[in-house]
N, C-alpha and C. Protein backbone atom coordinates (compact mmCIF):
# COMPACT_ATOMS: atom_id res chain seq x y z
N ASN A 1 133.38 16.02 16.25
CA ASN A 1 132.70 17.34 16.50
C ASN A 1 131.32 17.03 15.52
N ARG A 2 130.17 17.11 16.18
CA ARG A 2 128.90 17.04 15.17
C ARG A 2 128.19 18.13 15.19
N ARG A 3 128.69 19.34 15.45
CA ARG A 3 127.96 20.69 15.36
C ARG A 3 127.40 21.03 14.16
N CYS A 4 127.50 20.25 12.96
CA CYS A 4 126.79 20.32 11.83
C CYS A 4 125.27 20.00 11.67
N LEU A 5 125.13 19.39 12.73
CA LEU A 5 123.76 18.84 12.93
C LEU A 5 122.68 20.00 13.10
N SER A 6 123.17 21.04 13.73
CA SER A 6 122.13 22.09 14.23
C SER A 6 122.92 23.39 13.97
N VAL A 7 121.92 24.28 13.95
CA VAL A 7 122.64 25.65 13.88
C VAL A 7 123.03 26.04 15.38
N MET A 8 122.29 25.78 16.10
CA MET A 8 122.71 25.88 17.65
C MET A 8 123.37 24.72 18.34
N PRO A 9 124.64 24.83 18.72
CA PRO A 9 125.19 23.79 19.34
C PRO A 9 124.55 23.29 20.49
N MET A 10 124.90 22.01 20.61
CA MET A 10 124.38 21.19 21.80
C MET A 10 124.81 21.97 23.17
N PRO A 11 123.99 22.07 23.97
CA PRO A 11 124.11 22.47 25.26
C PRO A 11 125.19 21.62 26.11
N ARG A 12 126.53 22.41 26.48
CA ARG A 12 127.50 21.80 26.89
C ARG A 12 127.05 20.72 28.41
N ALA A 13 126.30 21.28 29.02
CA ALA A 13 125.66 20.52 30.21
C ALA A 13 125.20 19.15 29.83
N ALA A 14 124.34 19.00 28.70
CA ALA A 14 123.75 17.92 28.21
C ALA A 14 125.05 16.94 27.78
N ASN A 15 125.94 17.48 27.09
CA ASN A 15 126.92 16.63 26.48
C ASN A 15 127.75 16.17 27.75
N ASP A 16 127.95 17.04 28.62
CA ASP A 16 128.83 16.60 29.92
C ASP A 16 128.14 15.39 30.64
N ALA A 17 126.83 15.51 30.84
CA ALA A 17 126.13 14.55 31.75
C ALA A 17 125.96 13.36 30.84
N ALA A 18 125.92 13.21 29.56
CA ALA A 18 125.63 12.13 28.57
C ALA A 18 127.19 11.51 28.70
N ARG A 19 128.17 12.03 28.57
CA ARG A 19 129.44 11.38 28.58
C ARG A 19 129.73 10.91 30.15
N GLY A 20 129.07 11.66 31.31
CA GLY A 20 129.30 11.14 32.65
C GLY A 20 128.57 9.98 32.63
N MET A 21 127.42 9.72 32.24
CA MET A 21 126.72 8.51 32.19
C MET A 21 127.36 7.26 31.64
N GLY A 22 128.37 7.85 30.75
CA GLY A 22 129.22 6.62 30.17
C GLY A 22 128.53 6.28 28.70
N MET A 23 127.59 7.39 28.22
CA MET A 23 127.24 6.98 26.84
C MET A 23 128.47 7.22 25.84
N THR A 24 128.15 6.33 24.66
CA THR A 24 129.25 6.07 23.51
C THR A 24 128.93 7.40 22.58
N ASP A 25 129.78 7.64 21.80
CA ASP A 25 129.54 8.96 20.89
C ASP A 25 128.15 8.42 20.12
N ARG A 26 128.16 7.20 19.37
CA ARG A 26 126.82 6.87 18.91
C ARG A 26 125.49 7.18 19.70
N GLN A 27 125.57 6.76 20.90
CA GLN A 27 124.44 6.91 21.81
C GLN A 27 124.28 8.37 22.08
N ARG A 28 125.28 9.30 22.34
CA ARG A 28 125.14 10.48 22.34
C ARG A 28 124.30 11.29 21.15
N LEU A 29 125.08 10.85 19.96
CA LEU A 29 124.56 11.36 18.44
C LEU A 29 123.07 11.01 18.55
N PHE A 30 122.51 9.74 18.62
CA PHE A 30 121.12 9.51 18.64
C PHE A 30 120.31 9.78 19.84
N GLY A 31 120.90 9.87 20.87
CA GLY A 31 120.01 9.99 21.96
C GLY A 31 119.86 11.53 22.53
N ILE A 32 120.91 12.30 22.28
CA ILE A 32 121.10 13.71 22.90
C ILE A 32 121.07 14.62 21.83
N GLU A 33 121.97 14.51 20.97
CA GLU A 33 122.33 15.56 19.76
C GLU A 33 121.17 15.36 18.72
N PHE A 34 120.91 14.38 18.00
CA PHE A 34 120.11 14.25 16.79
C PHE A 34 118.72 14.83 17.33
N PRO A 35 118.09 14.47 18.59
CA PRO A 35 116.79 14.81 19.10
C PRO A 35 116.81 16.39 19.32
N LEU A 36 117.92 16.82 19.74
CA LEU A 36 117.89 18.49 19.70
C LEU A 36 117.98 19.11 18.67
N ALA A 37 118.55 18.49 17.54
CA ALA A 37 118.74 19.25 16.29
C ALA A 37 117.54 18.87 15.36
N PHE A 38 116.62 18.01 15.85
CA PHE A 38 115.35 17.60 14.81
C PHE A 38 114.69 18.81 14.35
N PRO A 39 114.30 19.42 15.35
CA PRO A 39 113.22 20.72 14.85
C PRO A 39 113.98 21.75 13.90
N VAL A 40 115.44 21.85 14.15
CA VAL A 40 116.14 22.71 13.10
C VAL A 40 116.39 22.10 11.73
N ILE A 41 116.47 20.83 11.77
CA ILE A 41 116.39 20.09 10.58
C ILE A 41 115.01 20.01 9.76
N LEU A 42 113.83 19.96 10.62
CA LEU A 42 112.75 20.06 10.03
C LEU A 42 112.42 21.33 9.34
N THR A 43 112.97 22.45 10.14
CA THR A 43 112.81 23.90 9.71
C THR A 43 113.44 23.95 8.18
N GLY A 44 114.80 23.22 8.14
CA GLY A 44 115.29 23.52 6.89
C GLY A 44 114.48 22.80 5.83
N ILE A 45 114.16 21.78 6.18
CA ILE A 45 113.10 20.71 5.08
C ILE A 45 111.98 21.67 4.55
N ARG A 46 111.43 22.40 5.76
CA ARG A 46 110.36 23.23 5.32
C ARG A 46 110.59 24.32 4.44
N ILE A 47 111.43 24.81 4.21
CA ILE A 47 112.20 26.17 3.61
C ILE A 47 112.10 25.47 2.43
N VAL A 48 113.08 24.50 2.25
CA VAL A 48 113.38 23.79 0.92
C VAL A 48 112.10 23.52 0.28
N LEU A 49 111.00 22.79 0.88
CA LEU A 49 109.82 22.34 0.25
C LEU A 49 109.09 23.42 -0.38
N VAL A 50 108.95 24.63 0.52
CA VAL A 50 108.07 25.82 0.12
C VAL A 50 108.78 26.44 -1.16
N GLN A 51 110.35 26.40 -1.11
CA GLN A 51 110.74 27.09 -2.44
C GLN A 51 110.63 26.03 -3.54
N ASN A 52 110.68 24.70 -3.56
CA ASN A 52 110.55 23.80 -4.72
C ASN A 52 108.95 23.94 -5.01
N ILE A 53 107.97 23.89 -4.13
CA ILE A 53 106.71 24.30 -4.58
C ILE A 53 106.60 25.55 -5.73
N GLY A 54 107.40 26.69 -5.13
CA GLY A 54 107.08 27.69 -5.84
C GLY A 54 107.95 27.85 -7.21
N LEU A 55 109.02 27.18 -7.24
CA LEU A 55 109.90 27.12 -8.34
C LEU A 55 109.44 25.96 -9.32
N ALA A 56 108.47 25.12 -9.10
CA ALA A 56 107.87 24.33 -9.74
C ALA A 56 106.98 24.78 -10.91
N THR A 57 106.47 25.95 -10.68
CA THR A 57 105.89 26.53 -11.84
C THR A 57 106.73 27.18 -13.00
N ILE A 58 108.01 27.16 -12.54
CA ILE A 58 109.01 27.56 -13.74
C ILE A 58 109.33 26.49 -14.56
N ALA A 59 108.95 25.23 -14.31
CA ALA A 59 109.21 24.15 -15.09
C ALA A 59 108.37 24.09 -16.32
N ALA A 60 107.25 24.69 -16.41
CA ALA A 60 106.46 25.00 -17.69
C ALA A 60 107.24 25.67 -18.78
N LEU A 61 108.35 26.50 -18.30
CA LEU A 61 109.01 27.15 -19.28
C LEU A 61 109.68 25.95 -20.34
N ILE A 62 110.10 24.88 -19.63
CA ILE A 62 111.02 23.71 -20.44
C ILE A 62 109.86 22.69 -20.71
N GLY A 63 108.82 22.63 -20.53
CA GLY A 63 107.71 21.74 -20.92
C GLY A 63 107.28 20.81 -19.82
N GLY A 64 107.56 21.43 -18.62
CA GLY A 64 107.37 20.57 -17.44
C GLY A 64 105.82 20.27 -17.12
N GLY A 65 105.14 21.44 -17.39
CA GLY A 65 103.66 21.26 -17.01
C GLY A 65 103.34 21.85 -15.58
N GLY A 66 102.28 21.45 -15.34
CA GLY A 66 101.96 22.00 -13.87
C GLY A 66 101.15 23.40 -13.97
N PHE A 67 101.04 24.19 -12.83
CA PHE A 67 100.49 25.24 -12.78
C PHE A 67 101.19 26.38 -13.53
N GLY A 68 102.39 26.17 -13.71
CA GLY A 68 102.91 27.40 -14.38
C GLY A 68 102.58 27.44 -15.98
N VAL A 69 101.90 26.22 -16.47
CA VAL A 69 101.50 26.37 -17.83
C VAL A 69 100.33 27.53 -17.87
N PHE A 70 99.35 27.54 -16.64
CA PHE A 70 98.50 28.52 -16.92
C PHE A 70 99.17 30.01 -16.70
N VAL A 71 100.12 30.06 -15.61
CA VAL A 71 100.48 31.13 -15.50
C VAL A 71 101.43 31.93 -16.75
N PHE A 72 102.05 31.16 -17.33
CA PHE A 72 102.66 31.71 -18.73
C PHE A 72 101.69 31.96 -19.78
N GLN A 73 100.64 30.94 -19.79
CA GLN A 73 99.81 31.06 -21.04
C GLN A 73 99.19 32.69 -20.60
N GLY A 74 98.90 32.75 -19.37
CA GLY A 74 98.04 34.05 -19.08
C GLY A 74 98.99 35.30 -19.17
N VAL A 75 100.34 35.19 -18.91
CA VAL A 75 101.09 36.40 -19.11
C VAL A 75 101.08 36.57 -20.62
N GLY A 76 101.35 35.37 -21.34
CA GLY A 76 101.45 35.68 -22.85
C GLY A 76 100.31 36.39 -23.40
N GLN A 77 99.01 35.91 -23.00
CA GLN A 77 97.76 36.44 -23.41
C GLN A 77 97.46 37.62 -22.85
N THR A 78 97.95 38.11 -21.92
CA THR A 78 97.47 39.21 -20.80
C THR A 78 96.08 38.79 -20.44
N ALA A 79 96.02 37.61 -19.73
CA ALA A 79 94.79 37.11 -19.20
C ALA A 79 95.09 36.92 -17.68
N MET A 80 94.69 37.74 -16.91
CA MET A 80 94.84 37.78 -15.52
C MET A 80 94.07 36.62 -14.86
N ASP A 81 93.11 36.12 -15.46
CA ASP A 81 92.25 34.73 -14.99
C ASP A 81 93.15 33.64 -14.94
N LEU A 82 94.08 33.66 -16.26
CA LEU A 82 94.76 32.33 -16.18
C LEU A 82 95.95 32.41 -15.49
N VAL A 83 96.49 33.57 -15.27
CA VAL A 83 97.51 33.78 -14.15
C VAL A 83 97.12 33.39 -12.97
N LEU A 84 96.01 33.91 -12.35
CA LEU A 84 95.45 33.72 -11.23
C LEU A 84 95.08 32.05 -10.86
N LEU A 85 94.70 31.37 -11.98
CA LEU A 85 94.25 29.90 -11.92
C LEU A 85 95.69 29.39 -11.74
N GLY A 86 96.65 29.68 -12.22
CA GLY A 86 97.98 28.97 -11.87
C GLY A 86 98.76 29.62 -10.69
N ALA A 87 98.53 30.67 -10.09
CA ALA A 87 99.27 31.45 -9.13
C ALA A 87 98.53 30.98 -7.86
N VAL A 88 97.26 30.94 -7.75
CA VAL A 88 96.69 30.78 -6.56
C VAL A 88 96.79 29.44 -5.88
N PRO A 89 96.60 28.41 -6.84
CA PRO A 89 96.60 26.87 -6.24
C PRO A 89 98.19 26.61 -5.85
N THR A 90 99.24 27.44 -6.64
CA THR A 90 100.43 27.43 -5.99
C THR A 90 100.90 27.64 -4.61
N VAL A 91 100.26 28.91 -4.50
CA VAL A 91 100.31 29.73 -3.26
C VAL A 91 99.66 28.88 -2.13
N ALA A 92 98.55 28.46 -2.41
CA ALA A 92 97.73 27.64 -1.50
C ALA A 92 98.40 26.09 -1.11
N LEU A 93 99.24 25.56 -2.11
CA LEU A 93 99.78 24.33 -1.90
C LEU A 93 101.13 24.73 -0.94
N ALA A 94 101.91 25.81 -1.45
CA ALA A 94 103.03 26.02 -0.71
C ALA A 94 102.58 26.46 0.85
N PHE A 95 101.49 27.25 0.93
CA PHE A 95 101.00 27.55 2.42
C PHE A 95 100.70 26.37 3.13
N ALA A 96 99.84 25.40 2.48
CA ALA A 96 99.50 24.43 3.50
C ALA A 96 100.69 23.58 3.89
N ALA A 97 101.57 23.43 2.78
CA ALA A 97 102.71 22.72 3.19
C ALA A 97 103.52 23.13 4.39
N ALA A 98 103.72 24.57 4.24
CA ALA A 98 104.39 25.18 5.57
C ALA A 98 103.83 25.24 6.73
N ILE A 99 102.49 25.22 6.39
CA ILE A 99 101.56 25.07 7.87
C ILE A 99 101.60 23.82 8.56
N ILE A 100 101.77 22.78 7.64
CA ILE A 100 101.55 21.19 8.08
C ILE A 100 103.02 20.92 8.79
N LEU A 101 104.25 21.41 8.11
CA LEU A 101 105.53 21.29 8.58
C LEU A 101 105.63 22.10 9.86
N ASP A 102 105.17 23.08 9.98
CA ASP A 102 105.12 23.93 11.00
C ASP A 102 104.72 23.28 12.05
N ALA A 103 103.37 22.65 11.95
CA ALA A 103 102.85 21.73 13.08
C ALA A 103 103.54 20.59 13.41
N VAL A 104 104.28 20.01 12.56
CA VAL A 104 105.10 18.84 12.95
C VAL A 104 106.45 19.43 13.75
N ILE A 105 106.70 20.44 13.11
CA ILE A 105 108.00 20.99 13.91
C ILE A 105 107.44 21.59 15.36
N GLU A 106 106.32 22.05 15.52
CA GLU A 106 105.75 22.30 16.91
C GLU A 106 105.59 21.09 17.95
N MET A 107 105.15 20.05 17.13
CA MET A 107 104.71 18.86 17.88
C MET A 107 106.26 18.33 18.43
N THR A 108 107.18 18.32 17.48
CA THR A 108 108.34 17.75 17.99
C THR A 108 108.98 18.47 19.21
N ALA A 109 109.01 19.74 18.93
CA ALA A 109 109.45 20.54 20.09
C ALA A 109 108.82 20.43 21.31
N THR A 110 107.27 20.47 21.36
CA THR A 110 106.80 20.31 22.44
C THR A 110 106.73 18.98 23.16
N ARG A 111 106.99 17.90 22.50
CA ARG A 111 107.25 16.72 22.70
C ARG A 111 108.44 16.61 23.80
N ARG A 112 109.50 17.04 23.09
CA ARG A 112 110.88 17.25 23.70
C ARG A 112 110.85 18.12 25.05
N ARG A 113 109.91 19.27 24.84
CA ARG A 113 109.95 20.04 26.26
C ARG A 113 109.15 19.21 27.40
N VAL A 114 108.04 18.47 27.05
CA VAL A 114 107.41 17.64 27.85
C VAL A 114 108.40 16.63 28.39
N GLU A 115 109.17 15.83 27.32
CA GLU A 115 110.11 14.90 28.03
C GLU A 115 111.17 15.09 29.02
N THR A 116 111.58 16.59 28.78
CA THR A 116 112.63 16.98 29.71
C THR A 116 112.11 17.57 31.09
N ALA A 117 110.70 17.87 30.99
CA ALA A 117 110.25 18.60 32.19
C ALA A 117 109.97 17.59 33.27
């Protein structure tokens, strides 16, 4: 049972039709189940990417560098301009990554709808 690929289970009709056409388990996985689950998988990747971009600023606490250096220097010196110098690019980068991956998700979902129509 490959329901772990997606939050939503595969439509039973699609599974029955694929089995009725004589598709093997592997053919059903790569031909039916994976394409149906792909937008959900990409959504998970988008969430993780945005979280990692935001948490990368914390790496400055252990000497990791990045935009977090400006944020923590600004907090230590109560200099709001330094905080913004680190925070604004981080937010912009996370926002851009989310928009790009949302566009990719929409393209894959739209392509799948066009193919099934």
